[in-house]
Amino acid sequence: MIVITGATGALGGATVDQLLQMRPADEIAVVARDPGKAARFAARGVDVRTGDYRDPGSLPAAFEGADQLLLVSSNDPTADAVGLHRNAIDAAVRAGVGRILYTSHQGAAPDTPFGPGRDHAATEQLLAESGVAWTSLRNGFYAHSLQWLLGPWRETGVVSVPADGPVSWTGREDLAEAAAALLATHGADDGPVTLTASAAPTFEQIADMVAARAGRPIGFEVVDEDEWVAAQVAAGQQEAMARFSLGMYQAAERGFFAGTDPRLATLLGREPRTVPQLIAEIVAG
């Protein structure tokens, strides 16, 4: 049995959709806080179970019978993500799960300026200490994030960032397909596995791509970090969230997202989506 958490979210749901093309529905179970939101999977014969990382008592039964468990990481920047993941890992141990596949992030490290990267590193340590076979899917930075990380370039004619560096922007759909392929074939390695697109352009290079696609000049600038945060707050964003985003740019500048790896292309049997393809969609939108 393959059990997938976070099935009502974008990544978990897309993974289930892909897996249903590879394995029978009766070999798949999904875990959701609100089972009603997973009705489309139940209609296809998938076992829908109730479970919530915040309610540890709900998890052992939700994970029962899992040869493989895809543990989709918490995406709430205000939550104690490591604590939530600890609840899930402890429950997986009690349920006798065969292997945990955890959706981590490229650049997971205790010293990264990017907060989720620190949480992922801490979770990977919990997995290593759990005694359960585990695989950490270190996904490249989700490419759709560029829609807001590029800022209001349409209005200003400028991509303005507080720091710049290479990022292996990777399509979430490709990562879901790769996770499904690993689950369907029991093909996961032990420990961290890096899954990225084949290139890691900087924000400056992306600004050039946007200009070429939009057919008009688009400037680029790196501004003072505090000035950038102040501008985000002035535009209506909470300061805590602005500083959360700042950590991403700082991590990029320090090279935490710079590496690329061919494993994703191998799993897909084709090249992953590229940044120019994504930019075409952003500009057209």
C-alpha atoms as a PDB file:
ATOM      1  CA  MET A   1       0.000   0.000   0.000  1.00  0.00           C
ATOM      2  CA  ILE A   2       1.163   3.510  -0.886  1.00  0.00           C
ATOM      3  CA  VAL A   3      -0.101   6.221   1.451  1.00  0.00           C
ATOM      4  CA  ILE A   4       0.132   9.902   0.491  1.00  0.00           C
ATOM      5  CA  THR A   5      -0.406  12.829   2.831  1.00  0.00           C
ATOM      6  CA  GLY A   6      -1.357  16.320   1.741  1.00  0.00           C
ATOM      7  CA  ALA A   7      -3.474  14.886  -1.061  1.00  0.00           C
ATOM      8  CA  THR A   8      -5.768  17.921  -1.163  1.00  0.00           C
ATOM      9  CA  GLY A   9      -2.778  20.214  -1.777  1.00  0.00           C
ATOM     10  CA  ALA A  10      -1.174  20.987  -5.131  1.00  0.00           C
ATOM     11  CA  LEU A  11       1.879  18.718  -4.896  1.00  0.00           C
ATOM     12  CA  GLY A  12       0.231  15.807  -3.088  1.00  0.00           C
ATOM     13  CA  GLY A  13      -2.834  15.900  -5.329  1.00  0.00           C
ATOM     14  CA  ALA A  14      -0.767  15.996  -8.515  1.00  0.00           C
ATOM     15  CA  THR A  15       1.297  13.069  -7.246  1.00  0.00           C
ATOM     16  CA  VAL A  16      -1.837  10.991  -6.665  1.00  0.00           C
ATOM     17  CA  ASP A  17      -3.115  11.866 -10.140  1.00  0.00           C
ATOM     18  CA  GLN A  18       0.152  10.670 -11.660  1.00  0.00           C
ATOM     19  CA  LEU A  19       0.291   7.544  -9.490  1.00  0.00           C
ATOM     20  CA  LEU A  20      -3.202   6.520 -10.582  1.00  0.00           C
ATOM     21  CA  GLN A  21      -1.816   6.231 -14.105  1.00  0.00           C
ATOM     22  CA  MET A  22       0.824   3.782 -12.862  1.00  0.00           C
ATOM     23  CA  ARG A  23      -0.808   1.724 -10.094  1.00  0.00           C
ATOM     24  CA  PRO A  24      -4.332   0.414  -9.323  1.00  0.00           C
ATOM     25  CA  ALA A  25      -6.462   2.632  -7.106  1.00  0.00           C
ATOM     26  CA  ASP A  26      -6.845  -0.105  -4.483  1.00  0.00           C
ATOM     27  CA  GLU A  27      -3.095   0.073  -3.831  1.00  0.00           C
ATOM     28  CA  ILE A  28      -3.287   3.759  -2.915  1.00  0.00           C
ATOM     29  CA  ALA A  29      -4.559   5.582   0.167  1.00  0.00           C
ATOM     30  CA  VAL A  30      -4.586   9.331   0.790  1.00  0.00           C
ATOM     31  CA  VAL A  31      -4.624  11.220   4.063  1.00  0.00           C
ATOM     32  CA  ALA A  32      -6.464  14.507   4.457  1.00  0.00           C
ATOM     33  CA  ARG A  33      -7.551  16.737   7.321  1.00  0.00           C
ATOM     34  CA  ASP A  34     -10.912  17.077   5.597  1.00  0.00           C
ATOM     35  CA  PRO A  35     -11.786  13.843   3.751  1.00  0.00           C
ATOM     36  CA  GLY A  36     -14.558  15.632   1.893  1.00  0.00           C
ATOM     37  CA  LYS A  37     -11.962  17.605  -0.028  1.00  0.00           C
ATOM     38  CA  ALA A  38     -10.513  14.312  -1.309  1.00  0.00           C
ATOM     39  CA  ALA A  39     -13.828  13.109  -2.722  1.00  0.00           C
ATOM     40  CA  ARG A  40     -12.483  13.053  -6.274  1.00  0.00           C
ATOM     41  CA  PHE A  41      -9.988  10.381  -5.237  1.00  0.00           C
ATOM     42  CA  ALA A  42     -12.606   8.355  -3.357  1.00  0.00           C
ATOM     43  CA  ALA A  43     -14.711   8.372  -6.519  1.00  0.00           C
ATOM     44  CA  ARG A  44     -11.844   6.657  -8.328  1.00  0.00           C
ATOM     45  CA  GLY A  45     -11.517   3.919  -5.702  1.00  0.00           C
ATOM     46  CA  VAL A  46      -8.738   5.398  -3.586  1.00  0.00           C
ATOM     47  CA  ASP A  47      -8.939   4.797   0.169  1.00  0.00           C
ATOM     48  CA  VAL A  48      -9.421   8.224   1.813  1.00  0.00           C
ATOM     49  CA  ARG A  49      -8.300   8.441   5.432  1.00  0.00           C
ATOM     50  CA  THR A  50      -8.537  11.193   8.031  1.00  0.00           C
ATOM     51  CA  GLY A  51      -5.276  12.468   9.494  1.00  0.00           C
ATOM     52  CA  ASP A  52      -3.782  15.739  10.689  1.00  0.00           C
ATOM     53  CA  TYR A  53      -0.163  16.430  11.630  1.00  0.00           C
ATOM     54  CA  ARG A  54      -1.529  18.630  14.435  1.00  0.00           C
ATOM     55  CA  ASP A  55      -3.443  15.651  15.875  1.00  0.00           C
ATOM     56  CA  PRO A  56      -0.835  12.920  16.440  1.00  0.00           C
ATOM     57  CA  GLY A  57      -3.480  10.464  17.591  1.00  0.00           C
ATOM     58  CA  SER A  58      -5.108  10.514  14.164  1.00  0.00           C
ATOM     59  CA  LEU A  59      -1.982   9.459  12.299  1.00  0.00           C
ATOM     60  CA  PRO A  60      -1.093   5.829  13.141  1.00  0.00           C
ATOM     61  CA  ALA A  61      -4.417   4.544  11.759  1.00  0.00           C
ATOM     62  CA  ALA A  62      -4.061   6.832   8.735  1.00  0.00           C
ATOM     63  CA  PHE A  63      -0.649   5.312   7.983  1.00  0.00           C
ATOM     64  CA  GLU A  64      -1.624   1.690   8.701  1.00  0.00           C
ATOM     65  CA  GLY A  65      -0.444  -0.841   6.114  1.00  0.00           C
ATOM     66  CA  ALA A  66       1.852   1.584   4.308  1.00  0.00           C
ATOM     67  CA  ASP A  67       4.738  -0.073   2.535  1.00  0.00           C
ATOM     68  CA  GLN A  68       5.593   3.449   1.387  1.00  0.00           C
ATOM     69  CA  LEU A  69       4.458   6.762   2.860  1.00  0.00           C
ATOM     70  CA  LEU A  70       4.833  10.029   0.973  1.00  0.00           C
ATOM     71  CA  LEU A  71       5.116  12.603   3.740  1.00  0.00           C
ATOM     72  CA  VAL A  72       4.351  15.972   2.144  1.00  0.00           C
ATOM     73  CA  SER A  73       5.958  18.718   4.193  1.00  0.00           C
ATOM     74  CA  SER A  74       3.956  21.455   5.895  1.00  0.00           C
ATOM     75  CA  ASN A  75       3.661  24.592   3.775  1.00  0.00           C
ATOM     76  CA  ASP A  76       2.482  26.913   6.555  1.00  0.00           C
ATOM     77  CA  PRO A  77       5.298  29.445   7.178  1.00  0.00           C
ATOM     78  CA  THR A  78       3.808  30.321  10.574  1.00  0.00           C
ATOM     79  CA  ALA A  79       3.665  26.733  11.868  1.00  0.00           C
ATOM     80  CA  ASP A  80       6.194  24.712  13.840  1.00  0.00           C
ATOM     81  CA  ALA A  81       6.941  22.607  10.776  1.00  0.00           C
ATOM     82  CA  VAL A  82       9.576  20.466  12.468  1.00  0.00           C
ATOM     83  CA  GLY A  83       7.189  19.657  15.318  1.00  0.00           C
ATOM     84  CA  LEU A  84       4.460  18.696  12.866  1.00  0.00           C
ATOM     85  CA  HIS A  85       6.857  16.516  10.898  1.00  0.00           C
ATOM     86  CA  ARG A  86       8.036  14.892  14.125  1.00  0.00           C
ATOM     87  CA  ASN A  87       4.435  13.933  14.893  1.00  0.00           C
ATOM     88  CA  ALA A  88       4.102  12.297  11.482  1.00  0.00           C
ATOM     89  CA  ILE A  89       7.428  10.456  11.662  1.00  0.00           C
ATOM     90  CA  ASP A  90       6.692   9.135  15.152  1.00  0.00           C
ATOM     91  CA  ALA A  91       3.306   7.907  13.941  1.00  0.00           C
ATOM     92  CA  ALA A  92       4.900   6.237  10.929  1.00  0.00           C
ATOM     93  CA  VAL A  93       7.243   4.367  13.254  1.00  0.00           C
ATOM     94  CA  ARG A  94       4.310   3.203  15.383  1.00  0.00           C
ATOM     95  CA  ALA A  95       2.365   2.151  12.294  1.00  0.00           C
ATOM     96  CA  GLY A  96       5.272   0.065  10.976  1.00  0.00           C
ATOM     97  CA  VAL A  97       5.656   2.002   7.725  1.00  0.00           C
ATOM     98  CA  GLY A  98       8.177   0.395   5.385  1.00  0.00           C
ATOM     99  CA  ARG A  99       9.691   3.567   3.888  1.00  0.00           C
ATOM    100  CA  ILE A 100       9.058   7.290   4.255  1.00  0.00           C
ATOM    101  CA  LEU A 101       9.556   9.533   1.249  1.00  0.00           C
ATOM    102  CA  TYR A 102       9.662  13.133   2.442  1.00  0.00           C
ATOM    103  CA  THR A 103       9.221  16.216   0.246  1.00  0.00           C
ATOM    104  CA  SER A 104      12.252  18.288   1.193  1.00  0.00           C
ATOM    105  CA  HIS A 105      13.971  21.115  -0.685  1.00  0.00           C
ATOM    106  CA  GLN A 106      17.199  21.685  -2.525  1.00  0.00           C
ATOM    107  CA  GLY A 107      19.655  23.468  -0.283  1.00  0.00           C
ATOM    108  CA  ALA A 108      18.263  22.011   2.947  1.00  0.00           C
ATOM    109  CA  ALA A 109      20.872  22.907   5.543  1.00  0.00           C
ATOM    110  CA  PRO A 110      21.062  24.193   9.125  1.00  0.00           C
ATOM    111  CA  ASP A 111      22.863  27.363   8.007  1.00  0.00           C
ATOM    112  CA  THR A 112      20.675  28.434   5.084  1.00  0.00           C
ATOM    113  CA  PRO A 113      19.029  31.870   5.355  1.00  0.00           C
ATOM    114  CA  PHE A 114      15.854  30.306   3.914  1.00  0.00           C
ATOM    115  CA  GLY A 115      13.696  29.248   6.867  1.00  0.00           C
ATOM    116  CA  PRO A 116      12.065  26.191   5.255  1.00  0.00           C
ATOM    117  CA  GLY A 117      15.538  24.929   4.312  1.00  0.00           C
ATOM    118  CA  ARG A 118      16.455  24.830   7.982  1.00  0.00           C
ATOM    119  CA  ASP A 119      13.193  23.026   8.792  1.00  0.00           C
ATOM    120  CA  HIS A 120      13.860  20.463   6.067  1.00  0.00           C
ATOM    121  CA  ALA A 121      17.380  19.831   7.381  1.00  0.00           C
ATOM    122  CA  ALA A 122      16.007  19.277  10.887  1.00  0.00           C
ATOM    123  CA  THR A 123      13.313  16.938   9.550  1.00  0.00           C
ATOM    124  CA  GLU A 124      15.889  14.942   7.606  1.00  0.00           C
ATOM    125  CA  GLN A 125      17.787  14.504  10.870  1.00  0.00           C
ATOM    126  CA  LEU A 126      14.608  13.186  12.512  1.00  0.00           C
ATOM    127  CA  LEU A 127      14.194  10.734   9.641  1.00  0.00           C
ATOM    128  CA  ALA A 128      17.785   9.565   9.987  1.00  0.00           C
ATOM    129  CA  GLU A 129      17.209   8.904  13.684  1.00  0.00           C
ATOM    130  CA  SER A 130      13.808   7.207  13.223  1.00  0.00           C
ATOM    131  CA  GLY A 131      15.022   3.738  12.305  1.00  0.00           C
ATOM    132  CA  VAL A 132      12.677   3.681   9.292  1.00  0.00           C
ATOM    133  CA  ALA A 133      14.034   3.503   5.744  1.00  0.00           C
ATOM    134  CA  TRP A 134      13.731   6.991   4.304  1.00  0.00           C
ATOM    135  CA  THR A 135      14.257   9.080   1.211  1.00  0.00           C
ATOM    136  CA  SER A 136      14.365  12.856   1.168  1.00  0.00           C
ATOM    137  CA  LEU A 137      13.186  14.335  -2.136  1.00  0.00           C
ATOM    138  CA  ARG A 138      15.187  17.553  -2.299  1.00  0.00           C
ATOM    139  CA  ASN A 139      13.015  19.331  -4.815  1.00  0.00           C
ATOM    140  CA  GLY A 140      14.241  22.280  -6.817  1.00  0.00           C
ATOM    141  CA  PHE A 141      12.611  25.635  -6.064  1.00  0.00           C
ATOM    142  CA  TYR A 142       9.043  25.591  -7.386  1.00  0.00           C
ATOM    143  CA  ALA A 143       9.078  27.520 -10.647  1.00  0.00           C
ATOM    144  CA  HIS A 144       5.562  28.913 -10.265  1.00  0.00           C
ATOM    145  CA  SER A 145       6.890  31.024  -7.382  1.00  0.00           C
ATOM    146  CA  LEU A 146       8.429  33.325  -9.977  1.00  0.00           C
ATOM    147  CA  GLN A 147       4.981  34.788 -10.588  1.00  0.00           C
ATOM    148  CA  TRP A 148       5.311  36.788  -7.353  1.00  0.00           C
ATOM    149  CA  LEU A 149       9.070  36.690  -6.687  1.00  0.00           C
ATOM    150  CA  LEU A 150       9.682  38.754  -9.832  1.00  0.00           C
ATOM    151  CA  GLY A 151       7.623  41.551  -8.291  1.00  0.00           C
ATOM    152  CA  PRO A 152       5.419  44.079 -10.148  1.00  0.00           C
ATOM    153  CA  TRP A 153       7.596  44.170 -13.260  1.00  0.00           C
ATOM    154  CA  ARG A 154       4.633  44.840 -15.550  1.00  0.00           C
ATOM    155  CA  GLU A 155       3.877  48.126 -13.813  1.00  0.00           C
ATOM    156  CA  THR A 156       7.417  49.251 -12.990  1.00  0.00           C
ATOM    157  CA  GLY A 157       9.327  47.887 -15.976  1.00  0.00           C
ATOM    158  CA  VAL A 158      11.977  46.654 -13.522  1.00  0.00           C
ATOM    159  CA  VAL A 159      12.711  43.375 -11.726  1.00  0.00           C
ATOM    160  CA  SER A 160      13.871  44.557  -8.313  1.00  0.00           C
ATOM    161  CA  VAL A 161      15.356  42.062  -5.838  1.00  0.00           C
ATOM    162  CA  PRO A 162      17.281  42.345  -2.546  1.00  0.00           C
ATOM    163  CA  ALA A 163      19.909  39.766  -3.599  1.00  0.00           C
ATOM    164  CA  ASP A 164      20.600  37.662  -6.669  1.00  0.00           C
ATOM    165  CA  GLY A 165      21.942  34.208  -7.352  1.00  0.00           C
ATOM    166  CA  PRO A 166      21.297  31.065  -9.413  1.00  0.00           C
ATOM    167  CA  VAL A 167      18.161  29.032  -8.750  1.00  0.00           C
ATOM    168  CA  SER A 168      17.238  25.705 -10.367  1.00  0.00           C
ATOM    169  CA  TRP A 169      13.589  26.635 -10.917  1.00  0.00           C
ATOM    170  CA  THR A 170      11.666  23.374 -11.284  1.00  0.00           C
ATOM    171  CA  GLY A 171       8.085  22.643 -12.306  1.00  0.00           C
ATOM    172  CA  ARG A 172       5.902  21.320  -9.507  1.00  0.00           C
ATOM    173  CA  GLU A 173       4.112  19.091 -12.027  1.00  0.00           C
ATOM    174  CA  ASP A 174       7.419  17.470 -12.972  1.00  0.00           C
ATOM    175  CA  LEU A 175       8.286  16.891  -9.326  1.00  0.00           C
ATOM    176  CA  ALA A 176       4.893  15.248  -8.714  1.00  0.00           C
ATOM    177  CA  GLU A 177       5.423  12.954 -11.685  1.00  0.00           C
ATOM    178  CA  ALA A 178       8.882  12.004 -10.423  1.00  0.00           C
ATOM    179  CA  ALA A 179       7.595  11.274  -6.916  1.00  0.00           C
ATOM    180  CA  ALA A 180       4.894   9.048  -8.394  1.00  0.00           C
ATOM    181  CA  ALA A 181       7.465   7.207 -10.496  1.00  0.00           C
ATOM    182  CA  LEU A 182       9.603   6.504  -7.433  1.00  0.00           C
ATOM    183  CA  LEU A 183       6.595   5.278  -5.463  1.00  0.00           C
ATOM    184  CA  ALA A 184       5.271   3.119  -8.294  1.00  0.00           C
ATOM    185  CA  THR A 185       8.592   1.356  -8.823  1.00  0.00           C
ATOM    186  CA  HIS A 186       9.900   1.242  -5.249  1.00  0.00           C
ATOM    187  CA  GLY A 187      12.801   3.094  -6.843  1.00  0.00           C
ATOM    188  CA  ALA A 188      13.709   5.454  -4.022  1.00  0.00           C
ATOM    189  CA  ASP A 189      17.298   5.625  -2.800  1.00  0.00           C
ATOM    190  CA  ASP A 190      18.256   5.851   0.851  1.00  0.00           C
ATOM    191  CA  GLY A 191      18.794   9.401   2.095  1.00  0.00           C
ATOM    192  CA  PRO A 192      18.619  12.643   0.102  1.00  0.00           C
ATOM    193  CA  VAL A 193      17.847  12.654  -3.631  1.00  0.00           C
ATOM    194  CA  THR A 194      18.110  15.955  -5.530  1.00  0.00           C
ATOM    195  CA  LEU A 195      15.437  16.604  -8.166  1.00  0.00           C
ATOM    196  CA  THR A 196      15.920  19.749 -10.255  1.00  0.00           C
ATOM    197  CA  ALA A 197      15.529  21.205 -13.705  1.00  0.00           C
ATOM    198  CA  SER A 198      18.618  21.283 -15.900  1.00  0.00           C
ATOM    199  CA  ALA A 199      19.509  24.976 -15.530  1.00  0.00           C
ATOM    200  CA  ALA A 200      19.837  27.504 -12.715  1.00  0.00           C
ATOM    201  CA  PRO A 201      19.461  31.059 -14.055  1.00  0.00           C
ATOM    202  CA  THR A 202      19.862  34.161 -11.905  1.00  0.00           C
ATOM    203  CA  PHE A 203      17.114  36.741 -11.469  1.00  0.00           C
ATOM    204  CA  GLU A 204      19.050  39.051 -13.780  1.00  0.00           C
ATOM    205  CA  GLN A 205      19.038  36.402 -16.499  1.00  0.00           C
ATOM    206  CA  ILE A 206      15.333  35.820 -15.923  1.00  0.00           C
ATOM    207  CA  ALA A 207      14.671  39.556 -16.287  1.00  0.00           C
ATOM    208  CA  ASP A 208      16.306  39.342 -19.723  1.00  0.00           C
ATOM    209  CA  MET A 209      14.055  36.396 -20.599  1.00  0.00           C
ATOM    210  CA  VAL A 210      10.992  38.357 -19.502  1.00  0.00           C
ATOM    211  CA  ALA A 211      12.057  41.338 -21.633  1.00  0.00           C
ATOM    212  CA  ALA A 212      12.607  39.159 -24.684  1.00  0.00           C
ATOM    213  CA  ARG A 213       9.237  37.474 -24.290  1.00  0.00           C
ATOM    214  CA  ALA A 214       7.346  40.683 -23.470  1.00  0.00           C
ATOM    215  CA  GLY A 215       8.939  42.509 -26.370  1.00  0.00           C
ATOM    216  CA  ARG A 216       9.890  45.553 -24.309  1.00  0.00           C
ATOM    217  CA  PRO A 217      12.811  46.621 -22.114  1.00  0.00           C
ATOM    218  CA  ILE A 218      12.740  45.293 -18.559  1.00  0.00           C
ATOM    219  CA  GLY A 219      15.353  46.639 -16.172  1.00  0.00           C
ATOM    220  CA  PHE A 220      17.024  44.814 -13.313  1.00  0.00           C
ATOM    221  CA  GLU A 221      18.333  46.036  -9.980  1.00  0.00           C
ATOM    222  CA  VAL A 222      19.568  44.721  -6.660  1.00  0.00           C
ATOM    223  CA  VAL A 223      18.403  47.051  -3.905  1.00  0.00           C
ATOM    224  CA  ASP A 224      19.262  47.377  -0.226  1.00  0.00           C
ATOM    225  CA  GLU A 225      17.617  44.583   1.765  1.00  0.00           C
ATOM    226  CA  ASP A 226      15.949  46.871   4.300  1.00  0.00           C
ATOM    227  CA  GLU A 227      14.692  49.132   1.519  1.00  0.00           C
ATOM    228  CA  TRP A 228      13.274  46.104  -0.261  1.00  0.00           C
ATOM    229  CA  VAL A 229      11.484  44.893   2.888  1.00  0.00           C
ATOM    230  CA  ALA A 230      10.106  48.388   3.480  1.00  0.00           C
ATOM    231  CA  ALA A 231       8.778  48.476  -0.082  1.00  0.00           C
ATOM    232  CA  GLN A 232       7.012  45.131   0.397  1.00  0.00           C
ATOM    233  CA  VAL A 233       5.407  46.344   3.624  1.00  0.00           C
ATOM    234  CA  ALA A 234       4.351  49.586   1.930  1.00  0.00           C
ATOM    235  CA  ALA A 235       2.677  47.466  -0.764  1.00  0.00           C
ATOM    236  CA  GLY A 236       0.597  45.693   1.884  1.00  0.00           C
ATOM    237  CA  GLN A 237       2.641  42.642   2.842  1.00  0.00           C
ATOM    238  CA  GLN A 238       3.244  41.776   6.486  1.00  0.00           C
ATOM    239  CA  GLU A 239       6.840  42.416   7.516  1.00  0.00           C
ATOM    240  CA  ALA A 240       7.256  38.835   8.766  1.00  0.00           C
ATOM    241  CA  MET A 241       6.320  37.479   5.344  1.00  0.00           C
ATOM    242  CA  ALA A 242       8.583  39.979   3.586  1.00  0.00           C
ATOM    243  CA  ARG A 243      11.527  38.842   5.691  1.00  0.00           C
ATOM    244  CA  PHE A 244      10.556  35.224   5.040  1.00  0.00           C
ATOM    245  CA  SER A 245      10.878  35.931   1.305  1.00  0.00           C
ATOM    246  CA  LEU A 246      14.112  37.852   1.875  1.00  0.00           C
ATOM    247  CA  GLY A 247      15.664  34.645   3.190  1.00  0.00           C
ATOM    248  CA  MET A 248      15.016  32.990  -0.169  1.00  0.00           C
ATOM    249  CA  TYR A 249      16.923  35.679  -2.090  1.00  0.00           C
ATOM    250  CA  GLN A 250      19.758  35.561   0.452  1.00  0.00           C
ATOM    251  CA  ALA A 251      20.005  31.785   0.102  1.00  0.00           C
ATOM    252  CA  ALA A 252      20.107  32.128  -3.684  1.00  0.00           C
ATOM    253  CA  GLU A 253      22.929  34.638  -3.410  1.00  0.00           C
ATOM    254  CA  ARG A 254      24.880  32.195  -1.242  1.00  0.00           C
ATOM    255  CA  GLY A 255      24.426  29.356  -3.752  1.00  0.00           C
ATOM    256  CA  PHE A 256      22.023  27.117  -1.869  1.00  0.00           C
ATOM    257  CA  PHE A 257      19.814  26.646  -4.968  1.00  0.00           C
ATOM    258  CA  ALA A 258      22.552  26.663  -7.601  1.00  0.00           C
ATOM    259  CA  GLY A 259      23.126  22.973  -8.277  1.00  0.00           C
ATOM    260  CA  THR A 260      21.370  20.955 -10.956  1.00  0.00           C
ATOM    261  CA  ASP A 261      21.002  17.200 -11.156  1.00  0.00           C
ATOM    262  CA  PRO A 262      20.017  14.859 -14.038  1.00  0.00           C
ATOM    263  CA  ARG A 263      17.988  12.514 -11.808  1.00  0.00           C
ATOM    264  CA  LEU A 264      14.694  14.298 -12.475  1.00  0.00           C
ATOM    265  CA  ALA A 265      15.102  14.040 -16.248  1.00  0.00           C
ATOM    266  CA  THR A 266      15.955  10.350 -15.881  1.00  0.00           C
ATOM    267  CA  LEU A 267      12.808   9.672 -13.848  1.00  0.00           C
ATOM    268  CA  LEU A 268      10.642  11.597 -16.303  1.00  0.00           C
ATOM    269  CA  GLY A 269      12.232  10.074 -19.388  1.00  0.00           C
ATOM    270  CA  ARG A 270      12.427  13.576 -20.846  1.00  0.00           C
ATOM    271  CA  GLU A 271      13.773  17.015 -20.020  1.00  0.00           C
ATOM    272  CA  PRO A 272      11.891  18.845 -17.261  1.00  0.00           C
ATOM    273  CA  ARG A 273      10.055  22.074 -18.014  1.00  0.00           C
ATOM    274  CA  THR A 274      12.389  25.013 -18.530  1.00  0.00           C
ATOM    275  CA  VAL A 275      12.324  28.566 -17.215  1.00  0.00           C
ATOM    276  CA  PRO A 276      11.761  30.030 -20.717  1.00  0.00           C
ATOM    277  CA  GLN A 277       8.624  27.872 -21.002  1.00  0.00           C
ATOM    278  CA  LEU A 278       7.394  29.167 -17.664  1.00  0.00           C
ATOM    279  CA  ILE A 279       8.246  32.765 -18.535  1.00  0.00           C
ATOM    280  CA  ALA A 280       6.158  32.434 -21.696  1.00  0.00           C
ATOM    281  CA  GLU A 281       3.166  31.453 -19.538  1.00  0.00           C
ATOM    282  CA  ILE A 282       3.775  34.267 -17.025  1.00  0.00           C
ATOM    283  CA  VAL A 283       4.061  36.926 -19.702  1.00  0.00           C
ATOM    284  CA  ALA A 284       1.013  35.596 -21.540  1.00  0.00           C
ATOM    285  CA  GLY A 285      -0.948  35.668 -18.296  1.00  0.00           C
END
